[in-house]
């Protein structure tokens, strides 16, 4: 199994704003009081377009789908939460915590990929779990080590343990389950998505181990990563707040490896961390300030990797 791909899906926003339904447990979101909604969306579009341009400039195949005004989907810019695409031609649809995020699931996205010669054989649909109040938000909740058949999941209101185990059984992955916390107003609260505090590349892993309060769980997670030969690059909780865990390794032209992140993530890294990362991949960063502040997500959340075979 490949860990990285050259093709990614991105959704261009039309009515991006802070989503009041997700803010209840995404403590990274903030309201930009002094900006009109139209201004917030325009800024998000500018950041989105500049980001896509940087990826395409190095040969990443970015498939952009425009969002629609109807239905109202303020978080559509983060497609990796509702869909994932796999090498065996499976597409997975995930159950989403926020009701208005469920409307992001669009048939025509699959049609468009098939038009581009991607093969889709099977749709694995977990969305029924929403009716019972169980959620698993895609590669936000699950960080995949595809090559070593492991899946990492920090449990939260958006990542149900039983659903995660079901996913691992369906895809023949070994589940690595733990809890990750952040400090909010002096209290330790569960981090809403695993991909905020860790990222797995082909030969490295970025992780905020200090978010895993339970020492046994922390050791277990680090032991798995080490056993698979990953160079571990530790980040701090302060760096997590700057989205330094929310990165993705992709392939550009000539199969060159790139590590994609936001400017704020890049600027939060130390010289030593940058040196460690650059041994594995070239860094690409782009300004995503508005998207990060209002959306509470960053570069990784904006990219849904496409591993589907080509017909």
C-alpha atoms as a PDB file:
ATOM      1  CA  UNK A   1       0.000   0.000   0.000  1.00  0.00           C
ATOM      2  CA  UNK A   2       1.228   3.461  -0.866  1.00  0.00           C
ATOM      3  CA  UNK A   3       1.347   6.039   1.924  1.00  0.00           C
ATOM      4  CA  UNK A   4       1.305   9.086  -0.352  1.00  0.00           C
ATOM      5  CA  UNK A   5      -0.514  10.072  -3.513  1.00  0.00           C
ATOM      6  CA  UNK A   6      -0.180  12.602  -6.300  1.00  0.00           C
ATOM      7  CA  UNK A   7      -3.956  13.232  -6.570  1.00  0.00           C
ATOM      8  CA  UNK A   8      -6.087  15.166  -4.111  1.00  0.00           C
ATOM      9  CA  UNK A   9      -9.650  16.449  -4.028  1.00  0.00           C
ATOM     10  CA  UNK A  10     -10.341  19.963  -2.766  1.00  0.00           C
ATOM     11  CA  UNK A  11     -13.674  21.795  -2.410  1.00  0.00           C
ATOM     12  CA  UNK A  12     -13.695  25.536  -3.174  1.00  0.00           C
ATOM     13  CA  UNK A  13     -15.936  27.340  -0.666  1.00  0.00           C
ATOM     14  CA  UNK A  14     -18.829  29.631  -1.588  1.00  0.00           C
ATOM     15  CA  UNK A  15     -20.214  30.477   1.855  1.00  0.00           C
ATOM     16  CA  UNK A  16     -17.387  29.711   4.252  1.00  0.00           C
ATOM     17  CA  UNK A  17     -17.821  30.983   7.823  1.00  0.00           C
ATOM     18  CA  UNK A  18     -17.407  29.839  11.370  1.00  0.00           C
ATOM     19  CA  UNK A  19     -19.732  26.853  11.741  1.00  0.00           C
ATOM     20  CA  UNK A  20     -21.685  27.319  14.977  1.00  0.00           C
ATOM     21  CA  UNK A  21     -22.572  23.586  15.010  1.00  0.00           C
ATOM     22  CA  UNK A  22     -18.946  22.434  15.115  1.00  0.00           C
ATOM     23  CA  UNK A  23     -17.686  25.103  17.539  1.00  0.00           C
ATOM     24  CA  UNK A  24     -19.149  23.206  20.515  1.00  0.00           C
ATOM     25  CA  UNK A  25     -16.179  20.800  20.549  1.00  0.00           C
ATOM     26  CA  UNK A  26     -13.678  22.330  18.135  1.00  0.00           C
ATOM     27  CA  UNK A  27     -11.843  24.722  20.458  1.00  0.00           C
ATOM     28  CA  UNK A  28      -9.647  26.028  17.634  1.00  0.00           C
ATOM     29  CA  UNK A  29     -12.509  27.969  16.036  1.00  0.00           C
ATOM     30  CA  UNK A  30     -12.984  31.680  16.680  1.00  0.00           C
ATOM     31  CA  UNK A  31     -15.395  34.334  15.430  1.00  0.00           C
ATOM     32  CA  UNK A  32     -13.920  37.176  13.402  1.00  0.00           C
ATOM     33  CA  UNK A  33     -16.387  39.716  14.794  1.00  0.00           C
ATOM     34  CA  UNK A  34     -15.189  42.659  12.774  1.00  0.00           C
ATOM     35  CA  UNK A  35     -15.617  40.944   9.381  1.00  0.00           C
ATOM     36  CA  UNK A  36     -18.786  40.523   7.337  1.00  0.00           C
ATOM     37  CA  UNK A  37     -19.574  36.941   6.266  1.00  0.00           C
ATOM     38  CA  UNK A  38     -18.957  37.874   2.626  1.00  0.00           C
ATOM     39  CA  UNK A  39     -15.509  39.205   3.550  1.00  0.00           C
ATOM     40  CA  UNK A  40     -14.654  36.038   5.487  1.00  0.00           C
ATOM     41  CA  UNK A  41     -15.670  33.920   2.487  1.00  0.00           C
ATOM     42  CA  UNK A  42     -13.739  36.111   0.029  1.00  0.00           C
ATOM     43  CA  UNK A  43     -10.603  35.823   2.186  1.00  0.00           C
ATOM     44  CA  UNK A  44     -11.066  32.054   2.457  1.00  0.00           C
ATOM     45  CA  UNK A  45     -11.413  31.817  -1.339  1.00  0.00           C
ATOM     46  CA  UNK A  46      -8.208  33.824  -1.832  1.00  0.00           C
ATOM     47  CA  UNK A  47      -6.341  31.535   0.582  1.00  0.00           C
ATOM     48  CA  UNK A  48      -7.815  28.463  -1.092  1.00  0.00           C
ATOM     49  CA  UNK A  49      -6.863  29.580  -4.624  1.00  0.00           C
ATOM     50  CA  UNK A  50      -3.303  30.510  -3.628  1.00  0.00           C
ATOM     51  CA  UNK A  51      -2.920  27.153  -1.873  1.00  0.00           C
ATOM     52  CA  UNK A  52      -4.147  25.188  -4.926  1.00  0.00           C
ATOM     53  CA  UNK A  53      -1.774  27.181  -7.138  1.00  0.00           C
ATOM     54  CA  UNK A  54       1.223  26.265  -4.945  1.00  0.00           C
ATOM     55  CA  UNK A  55       0.326  22.582  -5.045  1.00  0.00           C
ATOM     56  CA  UNK A  56      -0.197  22.549  -8.808  1.00  0.00           C
ATOM     57  CA  UNK A  57       3.072  24.430  -9.341  1.00  0.00           C
ATOM     58  CA  UNK A  58       5.018  21.412  -8.018  1.00  0.00           C
ATOM     59  CA  UNK A  59       2.975  18.898 -10.011  1.00  0.00           C
ATOM     60  CA  UNK A  60       0.321  17.789  -7.517  1.00  0.00           C
ATOM     61  CA  UNK A  61      -2.852  16.756  -9.350  1.00  0.00           C
ATOM     62  CA  UNK A  62      -5.481  18.880  -7.554  1.00  0.00           C
ATOM     63  CA  UNK A  63      -9.088  18.211  -8.527  1.00  0.00           C
ATOM     64  CA  UNK A  64     -11.127  21.238  -7.455  1.00  0.00           C
ATOM     65  CA  UNK A  65     -14.887  20.984  -7.062  1.00  0.00           C
ATOM     66  CA  UNK A  66     -16.863  24.175  -6.481  1.00  0.00           C
ATOM     67  CA  UNK A  67     -19.231  24.115  -3.534  1.00  0.00           C
ATOM     68  CA  UNK A  68     -22.849  25.162  -4.084  1.00  0.00           C
ATOM     69  CA  UNK A  69     -24.798  27.811  -2.153  1.00  0.00           C
ATOM     70  CA  UNK A  70     -27.580  25.309  -1.530  1.00  0.00           C
ATOM     71  CA  UNK A  71     -27.558  23.499   0.870  1.00  0.00           C
ATOM     72  CA  UNK A  72     -25.738  25.670   3.427  1.00  0.00           C
ATOM     73  CA  UNK A  73     -22.363  23.968   4.111  1.00  0.00           C
ATOM     74  CA  UNK A  74     -19.968  26.393   5.849  1.00  0.00           C
ATOM     75  CA  UNK A  75     -17.307  23.672   6.362  1.00  0.00           C
ATOM     76  CA  UNK A  76     -17.311  22.170   2.863  1.00  0.00           C
ATOM     77  CA  UNK A  77     -13.681  23.266   2.497  1.00  0.00           C
ATOM     78  CA  UNK A  78     -12.746  20.238   4.687  1.00  0.00           C
ATOM     79  CA  UNK A  79     -13.800  17.223   2.540  1.00  0.00           C
ATOM     80  CA  UNK A  80     -11.438  14.751   4.224  1.00  0.00           C
ATOM     81  CA  UNK A  81     -13.985  14.375   7.045  1.00  0.00           C
ATOM     82  CA  UNK A  82     -16.814  12.919   4.972  1.00  0.00           C
ATOM     83  CA  UNK A  83     -15.022  10.855   2.335  1.00  0.00           C
ATOM     84  CA  UNK A  84     -11.897   8.787   1.740  1.00  0.00           C
ATOM     85  CA  UNK A  85     -10.621   7.013  -1.384  1.00  0.00           C
ATOM     86  CA  UNK A  86      -8.691   3.749  -1.295  1.00  0.00           C
ATOM     87  CA  UNK A  87      -6.337   1.739  -3.516  1.00  0.00           C
ATOM     88  CA  UNK A  88      -8.800  -1.166  -3.773  1.00  0.00           C
ATOM     89  CA  UNK A  89     -11.289   1.188  -5.520  1.00  0.00           C
ATOM     90  CA  UNK A  90     -13.369   1.590  -2.340  1.00  0.00           C
ATOM     91  CA  UNK A  91     -14.882   4.930  -1.372  1.00  0.00           C
ATOM     92  CA  UNK A  92     -15.850   5.437   2.275  1.00  0.00           C
ATOM     93  CA  UNK A  93     -18.607   7.771   3.478  1.00  0.00           C
ATOM     94  CA  UNK A  94     -18.405   8.791   7.137  1.00  0.00           C
ATOM     95  CA  UNK A  95     -20.953   9.797   9.804  1.00  0.00           C
ATOM     96  CA  UNK A  96     -20.592  13.460  10.767  1.00  0.00           C
ATOM     97  CA  UNK A  97     -21.194  15.093  14.143  1.00  0.00           C
ATOM     98  CA  UNK A  98     -22.666  18.398  12.868  1.00  0.00           C
ATOM     99  CA  UNK A  99     -25.976  18.139  11.039  1.00  0.00           C
ATOM    100  CA  UNK A 100     -25.081  20.820   8.518  1.00  0.00           C
ATOM    101  CA  UNK A 101     -21.870  18.963   7.654  1.00  0.00           C
ATOM    102  CA  UNK A 102     -23.833  15.884   6.552  1.00  0.00           C
ATOM    103  CA  UNK A 103     -25.063  17.926   3.605  1.00  0.00           C
ATOM    104  CA  UNK A 104     -21.492  18.085   2.274  1.00  0.00           C
ATOM    105  CA  UNK A 105     -21.796  14.525   0.951  1.00  0.00           C
ATOM    106  CA  UNK A 106     -22.407  14.914  -2.778  1.00  0.00           C
ATOM    107  CA  UNK A 107     -22.910  12.202  -5.381  1.00  0.00           C
ATOM    108  CA  UNK A 108     -21.550  14.420  -8.143  1.00  0.00           C
ATOM    109  CA  UNK A 109     -18.091  14.403  -6.558  1.00  0.00           C
ATOM    110  CA  UNK A 110     -17.920  10.667  -7.341  1.00  0.00           C
ATOM    111  CA  UNK A 111     -19.249  11.233 -10.860  1.00  0.00           C
ATOM    112  CA  UNK A 112     -16.560  13.814 -11.467  1.00  0.00           C
ATOM    113  CA  UNK A 113     -13.789  11.455 -10.325  1.00  0.00           C
ATOM    114  CA  UNK A 114     -15.110   8.710 -12.601  1.00  0.00           C
ATOM    115  CA  UNK A 115     -15.066  11.210 -15.478  1.00  0.00           C
ATOM    116  CA  UNK A 116     -11.369  11.663 -14.706  1.00  0.00           C
ATOM    117  CA  UNK A 117     -10.861   7.871 -15.127  1.00  0.00           C
ATOM    118  CA  UNK A 118     -10.690   6.998 -11.442  1.00  0.00           C
ATOM    119  CA  UNK A 119     -12.227   3.598 -10.717  1.00  0.00           C
ATOM    120  CA  UNK A 120     -14.890   3.297  -8.026  1.00  0.00           C
ATOM    121  CA  UNK A 121     -16.047  -0.242  -7.346  1.00  0.00           C
ATOM    122  CA  UNK A 122     -17.575  -0.152  -3.915  1.00  0.00           C
ATOM    123  CA  UNK A 123     -19.026   2.437  -1.541  1.00  0.00           C
ATOM    124  CA  UNK A 124     -18.590   1.620   2.143  1.00  0.00           C
ATOM    125  CA  UNK A 125     -21.194   3.698   3.937  1.00  0.00           C
ATOM    126  CA  UNK A 126     -21.076   4.179   7.713  1.00  0.00           C
ATOM    127  CA  UNK A 127     -23.441   7.159   7.725  1.00  0.00           C
ATOM    128  CA  UNK A 128     -26.355   5.236   9.301  1.00  0.00           C
ATOM    129  CA  UNK A 129     -24.517   5.581  12.617  1.00  0.00           C
ATOM    130  CA  UNK A 130     -25.554   9.262  12.666  1.00  0.00           C
ATOM    131  CA  UNK A 131     -29.095   8.213  13.555  1.00  0.00           C
ATOM    132  CA  UNK A 132     -27.791   6.607  16.748  1.00  0.00           C
ATOM    133  CA  UNK A 133     -25.467   9.491  17.590  1.00  0.00           C
ATOM    134  CA  UNK A 134     -22.163   7.817  16.679  1.00  0.00           C
ATOM    135  CA  UNK A 135     -19.582   9.557  14.517  1.00  0.00           C
ATOM    136  CA  UNK A 136     -16.268   8.909  12.797  1.00  0.00           C
ATOM    137  CA  UNK A 137     -15.044  11.855  10.760  1.00  0.00           C
ATOM    138  CA  UNK A 138     -12.852  10.354   8.076  1.00  0.00           C
ATOM    139  CA  UNK A 139      -9.146  11.066   7.969  1.00  0.00           C
ATOM    140  CA  UNK A 140      -9.765  13.788  10.537  1.00  0.00           C
ATOM    141  CA  UNK A 141     -10.605  11.134  13.147  1.00  0.00           C
ATOM    142  CA  UNK A 142      -8.355   8.447  11.664  1.00  0.00           C
ATOM    143  CA  UNK A 143      -4.688   8.938  10.784  1.00  0.00           C
ATOM    144  CA  UNK A 144      -3.707   6.103   8.464  1.00  0.00           C
ATOM    145  CA  UNK A 145      -0.368   4.391   8.127  1.00  0.00           C
ATOM    146  CA  UNK A 146      -1.442   2.644   4.953  1.00  0.00           C
ATOM    147  CA  UNK A 147       1.893   0.916   4.288  1.00  0.00           C
ATOM    148  CA  UNK A 148       2.034  -0.697   7.727  1.00  0.00           C
ATOM    149  CA  UNK A 149      -1.739  -1.337   7.908  1.00  0.00           C
ATOM    150  CA  UNK A 150      -2.226   0.665  11.089  1.00  0.00           C
ATOM    151  CA  UNK A 151      -4.890   3.240  11.888  1.00  0.00           C
ATOM    152  CA  UNK A 152      -4.472   5.746  14.730  1.00  0.00           C
ATOM    153  CA  UNK A 153      -7.510   7.260  16.426  1.00  0.00           C
ATOM    154  CA  UNK A 154      -7.827   9.720  19.313  1.00  0.00           C
ATOM    155  CA  UNK A 155     -11.310   9.066  20.689  1.00  0.00           C
ATOM    156  CA  UNK A 156     -13.604  12.091  20.965  1.00  0.00           C
ATOM    157  CA  UNK A 157     -17.269  13.026  20.454  1.00  0.00           C
ATOM    158  CA  UNK A 158     -16.429  12.788  16.737  1.00  0.00           C
ATOM    159  CA  UNK A 159     -14.541   9.485  16.846  1.00  0.00           C
ATOM    160  CA  UNK A 160     -16.471   6.509  18.194  1.00  0.00           C
ATOM    161  CA  UNK A 161     -14.408   3.514  19.298  1.00  0.00           C
ATOM    162  CA  UNK A 162     -16.731   0.771  18.001  1.00  0.00           C
ATOM    163  CA  UNK A 163     -17.142   2.447  14.617  1.00  0.00           C
ATOM    164  CA  UNK A 164     -13.391   2.883  14.367  1.00  0.00           C
ATOM    165  CA  UNK A 165     -12.834  -0.814  15.121  1.00  0.00           C
ATOM    166  CA  UNK A 166     -15.432  -1.699  12.476  1.00  0.00           C
ATOM    167  CA  UNK A 167     -13.551   0.459   9.955  1.00  0.00           C
ATOM    168  CA  UNK A 168     -10.273  -1.292  10.863  1.00  0.00           C
ATOM    169  CA  UNK A 169     -11.869  -4.723  10.431  1.00  0.00           C
ATOM    170  CA  UNK A 170     -13.327  -3.724   7.059  1.00  0.00           C
ATOM    171  CA  UNK A 171      -9.980  -2.408   5.810  1.00  0.00           C
ATOM    172  CA  UNK A 172      -7.717  -4.929   7.522  1.00  0.00           C
ATOM    173  CA  UNK A 173      -5.939  -2.311   9.632  1.00  0.00           C
ATOM    174  CA  UNK A 174      -4.576  -2.668  13.161  1.00  0.00           C
ATOM    175  CA  UNK A 175      -6.391  -0.131  15.418  1.00  0.00           C
ATOM    176  CA  UNK A 176      -4.265   2.091  17.676  1.00  0.00           C
ATOM    177  CA  UNK A 177      -6.675   3.748  20.132  1.00  0.00           C
ATOM    178  CA  UNK A 178      -5.914   6.514  22.622  1.00  0.00           C
ATOM    179  CA  UNK A 179      -7.199   9.827  23.977  1.00  0.00           C
ATOM    180  CA  UNK A 180      -5.603  13.192  23.204  1.00  0.00           C
ATOM    181  CA  UNK A 181      -6.220  16.388  25.147  1.00  0.00           C
ATOM    182  CA  UNK A 182      -5.703  20.119  24.858  1.00  0.00           C
ATOM    183  CA  UNK A 183      -5.884  22.765  27.553  1.00  0.00           C
ATOM    184  CA  UNK A 184      -8.941  25.009  27.194  1.00  0.00           C
ATOM    185  CA  UNK A 185      -9.375  27.711  29.853  1.00  0.00           C
ATOM    186  CA  UNK A 186      -7.233  25.716  32.269  1.00  0.00           C
ATOM    187  CA  UNK A 187      -9.128  22.430  31.692  1.00  0.00           C
ATOM    188  CA  UNK A 188      -7.994  19.337  29.773  1.00  0.00           C
ATOM    189  CA  UNK A 189     -10.506  18.655  26.989  1.00  0.00           C
ATOM    190  CA  UNK A 190     -10.515  16.012  24.259  1.00  0.00           C
ATOM    191  CA  UNK A 191      -9.021  17.095  20.940  1.00  0.00           C
ATOM    192  CA  UNK A 192     -11.760  16.806  18.327  1.00  0.00           C
ATOM    193  CA  UNK A 193      -9.682  15.285  15.493  1.00  0.00           C
ATOM    194  CA  UNK A 194      -6.608  13.047  15.569  1.00  0.00           C
ATOM    195  CA  UNK A 195      -5.092  14.798  12.543  1.00  0.00           C
ATOM    196  CA  UNK A 196      -4.687  18.002  14.548  1.00  0.00           C
ATOM    197  CA  UNK A 197      -2.058  16.405  16.794  1.00  0.00           C
ATOM    198  CA  UNK A 198      -0.363  13.876  14.502  1.00  0.00           C
ATOM    199  CA  UNK A 199       0.659  13.272  10.897  1.00  0.00           C
ATOM    200  CA  UNK A 200       2.209  10.147   9.391  1.00  0.00           C
ATOM    201  CA  UNK A 201       4.461  10.314   6.342  1.00  0.00           C
ATOM    202  CA  UNK A 202       6.289   7.528   4.537  1.00  0.00           C
ATOM    203  CA  UNK A 203       9.389   7.640   6.711  1.00  0.00           C
ATOM    204  CA  UNK A 204       8.453   9.979   9.569  1.00  0.00           C
ATOM    205  CA  UNK A 205       5.713  10.827  12.046  1.00  0.00           C
ATOM    206  CA  UNK A 206       4.902  14.209  13.566  1.00  0.00           C
ATOM    207  CA  UNK A 207       3.160  13.906  16.912  1.00  0.00           C
ATOM    208  CA  UNK A 208       2.360  15.925  19.995  1.00  0.00           C
ATOM    209  CA  UNK A 209       2.923  13.179  22.566  1.00  0.00           C
ATOM    210  CA  UNK A 210       2.242  15.615  25.421  1.00  0.00           C
ATOM    211  CA  UNK A 211      -1.410  15.675  24.272  1.00  0.00           C
ATOM    212  CA  UNK A 212      -1.681  12.000  25.294  1.00  0.00           C
ATOM    213  CA  UNK A 213      -2.083  12.347  29.047  1.00  0.00           C
ATOM    214  CA  UNK A 214      -2.118   8.630  29.825  1.00  0.00           C
ATOM    215  CA  UNK A 215       1.537   7.523  29.988  1.00  0.00           C
ATOM    216  CA  UNK A 216       0.793   3.937  28.916  1.00  0.00           C
ATOM    217  CA  UNK A 217      -1.165   5.121  25.885  1.00  0.00           C
ATOM    218  CA  UNK A 218       1.563   7.604  25.002  1.00  0.00           C
ATOM    219  CA  UNK A 219       4.228   4.891  25.147  1.00  0.00           C
ATOM    220  CA  UNK A 220       2.074   2.504  23.094  1.00  0.00           C
ATOM    221  CA  UNK A 221       1.541   5.051  20.293  1.00  0.00           C
ATOM    222  CA  UNK A 222       5.236   5.999  20.159  1.00  0.00           C
ATOM    223  CA  UNK A 223       6.285   2.319  20.270  1.00  0.00           C
ATOM    224  CA  UNK A 224       4.104   1.500  17.254  1.00  0.00           C
ATOM    225  CA  UNK A 225       5.569   4.387  15.269  1.00  0.00           C
ATOM    226  CA  UNK A 226       9.138   3.434  16.206  1.00  0.00           C
ATOM    227  CA  UNK A 227       8.527  -0.245  15.416  1.00  0.00           C
ATOM    228  CA  UNK A 228       7.539   0.776  11.889  1.00  0.00           C
ATOM    229  CA  UNK A 229      10.805   2.651  11.481  1.00  0.00           C
ATOM    230  CA  UNK A 230       9.340   6.164  11.489  1.00  0.00           C
ATOM    231  CA  UNK A 231      11.560   9.053  12.539  1.00  0.00           C
ATOM    232  CA  UNK A 232       9.484  10.719  15.249  1.00  0.00           C
ATOM    233  CA  UNK A 233       9.371  14.500  15.274  1.00  0.00           C
ATOM    234  CA  UNK A 234       7.803  15.712  18.510  1.00  0.00           C
ATOM    235  CA  UNK A 235       5.807  18.938  18.533  1.00  0.00           C
ATOM    236  CA  UNK A 236       4.447  20.911  21.499  1.00  0.00           C
ATOM    237  CA  UNK A 237       0.862  21.714  22.373  1.00  0.00           C
ATOM    238  CA  UNK A 238       1.589  25.343  21.513  1.00  0.00           C
ATOM    239  CA  UNK A 239       2.651  24.222  18.042  1.00  0.00           C
ATOM    240  CA  UNK A 240      -0.537  22.132  17.769  1.00  0.00           C
ATOM    241  CA  UNK A 241      -2.469  25.366  18.396  1.00  0.00           C
ATOM    242  CA  UNK A 242      -0.697  26.707  15.304  1.00  0.00           C
ATOM    243  CA  UNK A 243      -1.785  23.605  13.345  1.00  0.00           C
ATOM    244  CA  UNK A 244       1.705  22.077  13.205  1.00  0.00           C
ATOM    245  CA  UNK A 245       0.127  18.611  13.541  1.00  0.00           C
ATOM    246  CA  UNK A 246      -2.184  19.217  10.593  1.00  0.00           C
ATOM    247  CA  UNK A 247       0.161  18.385   7.731  1.00  0.00           C
ATOM    248  CA  UNK A 248       0.082  15.985   4.797  1.00  0.00           C
ATOM    249  CA  UNK A 249       2.807  14.410   2.689  1.00  0.00           C
ATOM    250  CA  UNK A 250       1.965  14.353  -1.024  1.00  0.00           C
ATOM    251  CA  UNK A 251       3.805  13.592  -4.268  1.00  0.00           C
ATOM    252  CA  UNK A 252       4.524  16.133  -6.979  1.00  0.00           C
ATOM    253  CA  UNK A 253       6.054  15.730 -10.413  1.00  0.00           C
ATOM    254  CA  UNK A 254       8.767  13.052 -10.764  1.00  0.00           C
ATOM    255  CA  UNK A 255       7.385  11.475  -7.592  1.00  0.00           C
ATOM    256  CA  UNK A 256       9.064  14.142  -5.459  1.00  0.00           C
ATOM    257  CA  UNK A 257       7.795  14.223  -1.870  1.00  0.00           C
ATOM    258  CA  UNK A 258       6.322  17.389  -0.367  1.00  0.00           C
ATOM    259  CA  UNK A 259       5.099  18.078   3.144  1.00  0.00           C
ATOM    260  CA  UNK A 260       2.154  20.461   2.975  1.00  0.00           C
ATOM    261  CA  UNK A 261       1.249  22.786   5.855  1.00  0.00           C
ATOM    262  CA  UNK A 262      -0.003  26.297   6.600  1.00  0.00           C
ATOM    263  CA  UNK A 263       2.247  29.315   7.103  1.00  0.00           C
ATOM    264  CA  UNK A 264       1.306  29.446  10.781  1.00  0.00           C
ATOM    265  CA  UNK A 265       2.339  25.790  11.206  1.00  0.00           C
ATOM    266  CA  UNK A 266       5.602  26.410   9.334  1.00  0.00           C
ATOM    267  CA  UNK A 267       6.421  29.517  11.371  1.00  0.00           C
ATOM    268  CA  UNK A 268       5.802  27.681  14.652  1.00  0.00           C
ATOM    269  CA  UNK A 269       8.451  25.032  13.904  1.00  0.00           C
ATOM    270  CA  UNK A 270      11.965  25.257  15.307  1.00  0.00           C
ATOM    271  CA  UNK A 271      15.025  25.233  13.035  1.00  0.00           C
ATOM    272  CA  UNK A 272      15.822  21.713  14.266  1.00  0.00           C
ATOM    273  CA  UNK A 273      12.313  20.429  13.467  1.00  0.00           C
ATOM    274  CA  UNK A 274      12.477  21.960   9.982  1.00  0.00           C
ATOM    275  CA  UNK A 275      15.854  20.310   9.424  1.00  0.00           C
ATOM    276  CA  UNK A 276      14.440  16.941  10.574  1.00  0.00           C
ATOM    277  CA  UNK A 277      11.418  17.253   8.269  1.00  0.00           C
ATOM    278  CA  UNK A 278      13.396  18.405   5.246  1.00  0.00           C
ATOM    279  CA  UNK A 279      15.363  15.146   5.305  1.00  0.00           C
ATOM    280  CA  UNK A 280      12.103  13.437   4.348  1.00  0.00           C
ATOM    281  CA  UNK A 281      10.227  15.913   2.127  1.00  0.00           C
ATOM    282  CA  UNK A 282      10.342  19.458   0.816  1.00  0.00           C
ATOM    283  CA  UNK A 283       8.086  21.806   2.782  1.00  0.00           C
ATOM    284  CA  UNK A 284       5.305  23.721   1.045  1.00  0.00           C
ATOM    285  CA  UNK A 285       3.402  26.230   3.152  1.00  0.00           C
ATOM    286  CA  UNK A 286       0.605  28.645   2.338  1.00  0.00           C
ATOM    287  CA  UNK A 287      -1.256  31.308   4.308  1.00  0.00           C
ATOM    288  CA  UNK A 288      -4.530  29.863   5.634  1.00  0.00           C
ATOM    289  CA  UNK A 289      -5.134  32.327   8.481  1.00  0.00           C
ATOM    290  CA  UNK A 290      -8.845  32.973   7.870  1.00  0.00           C
ATOM    291  CA  UNK A 291      -9.611  29.312   7.228  1.00  0.00           C
ATOM    292  CA  UNK A 292      -7.785  28.269  10.399  1.00  0.00           C
ATOM    293  CA  UNK A 293      -9.362  30.872  12.654  1.00  0.00           C
ATOM    294  CA  UNK A 294     -12.966  30.463  11.466  1.00  0.00           C
ATOM    295  CA  UNK A 295     -12.875  26.818  10.453  1.00  0.00           C
ATOM    296  CA  UNK A 296     -10.644  25.422  13.178  1.00  0.00           C
ATOM    297  CA  UNK A 297      -8.945  23.262  10.554  1.00  0.00           C
ATOM    298  CA  UNK A 298      -5.896  23.680   8.357  1.00  0.00           C
ATOM    299  CA  UNK A 299      -3.988  22.362   5.336  1.00  0.00           C
ATOM    300  CA  UNK A 300      -4.442  18.648   5.966  1.00  0.00           C
ATOM    301  CA  UNK A 301      -8.216  18.966   6.484  1.00  0.00           C
ATOM    302  CA  UNK A 302      -8.589  20.672   3.101  1.00  0.00           C
ATOM    303  CA  UNK A 303      -7.117  17.761   1.136  1.00  0.00           C
ATOM    304  CA  UNK A 304      -8.892  14.449   0.541  1.00  0.00           C
ATOM    305  CA  UNK A 305      -6.262  12.076  -0.845  1.00  0.00           C
ATOM    306  CA  UNK A 306      -7.265  10.034  -3.900  1.00  0.00           C
ATOM    307  CA  UNK A 307      -5.717   6.554  -3.946  1.00  0.00           C
ATOM    308  CA  UNK A 308      -8.265   5.096  -6.396  1.00  0.00           C
ATOM    309  CA  UNK A 309      -6.843   3.114  -9.320  1.00  0.00           C
ATOM    310  CA  UNK A 310      -7.100   4.657 -12.796  1.00  0.00           C
ATOM    311  CA  UNK A 311      -9.069   2.780 -15.419  1.00  0.00           C
END
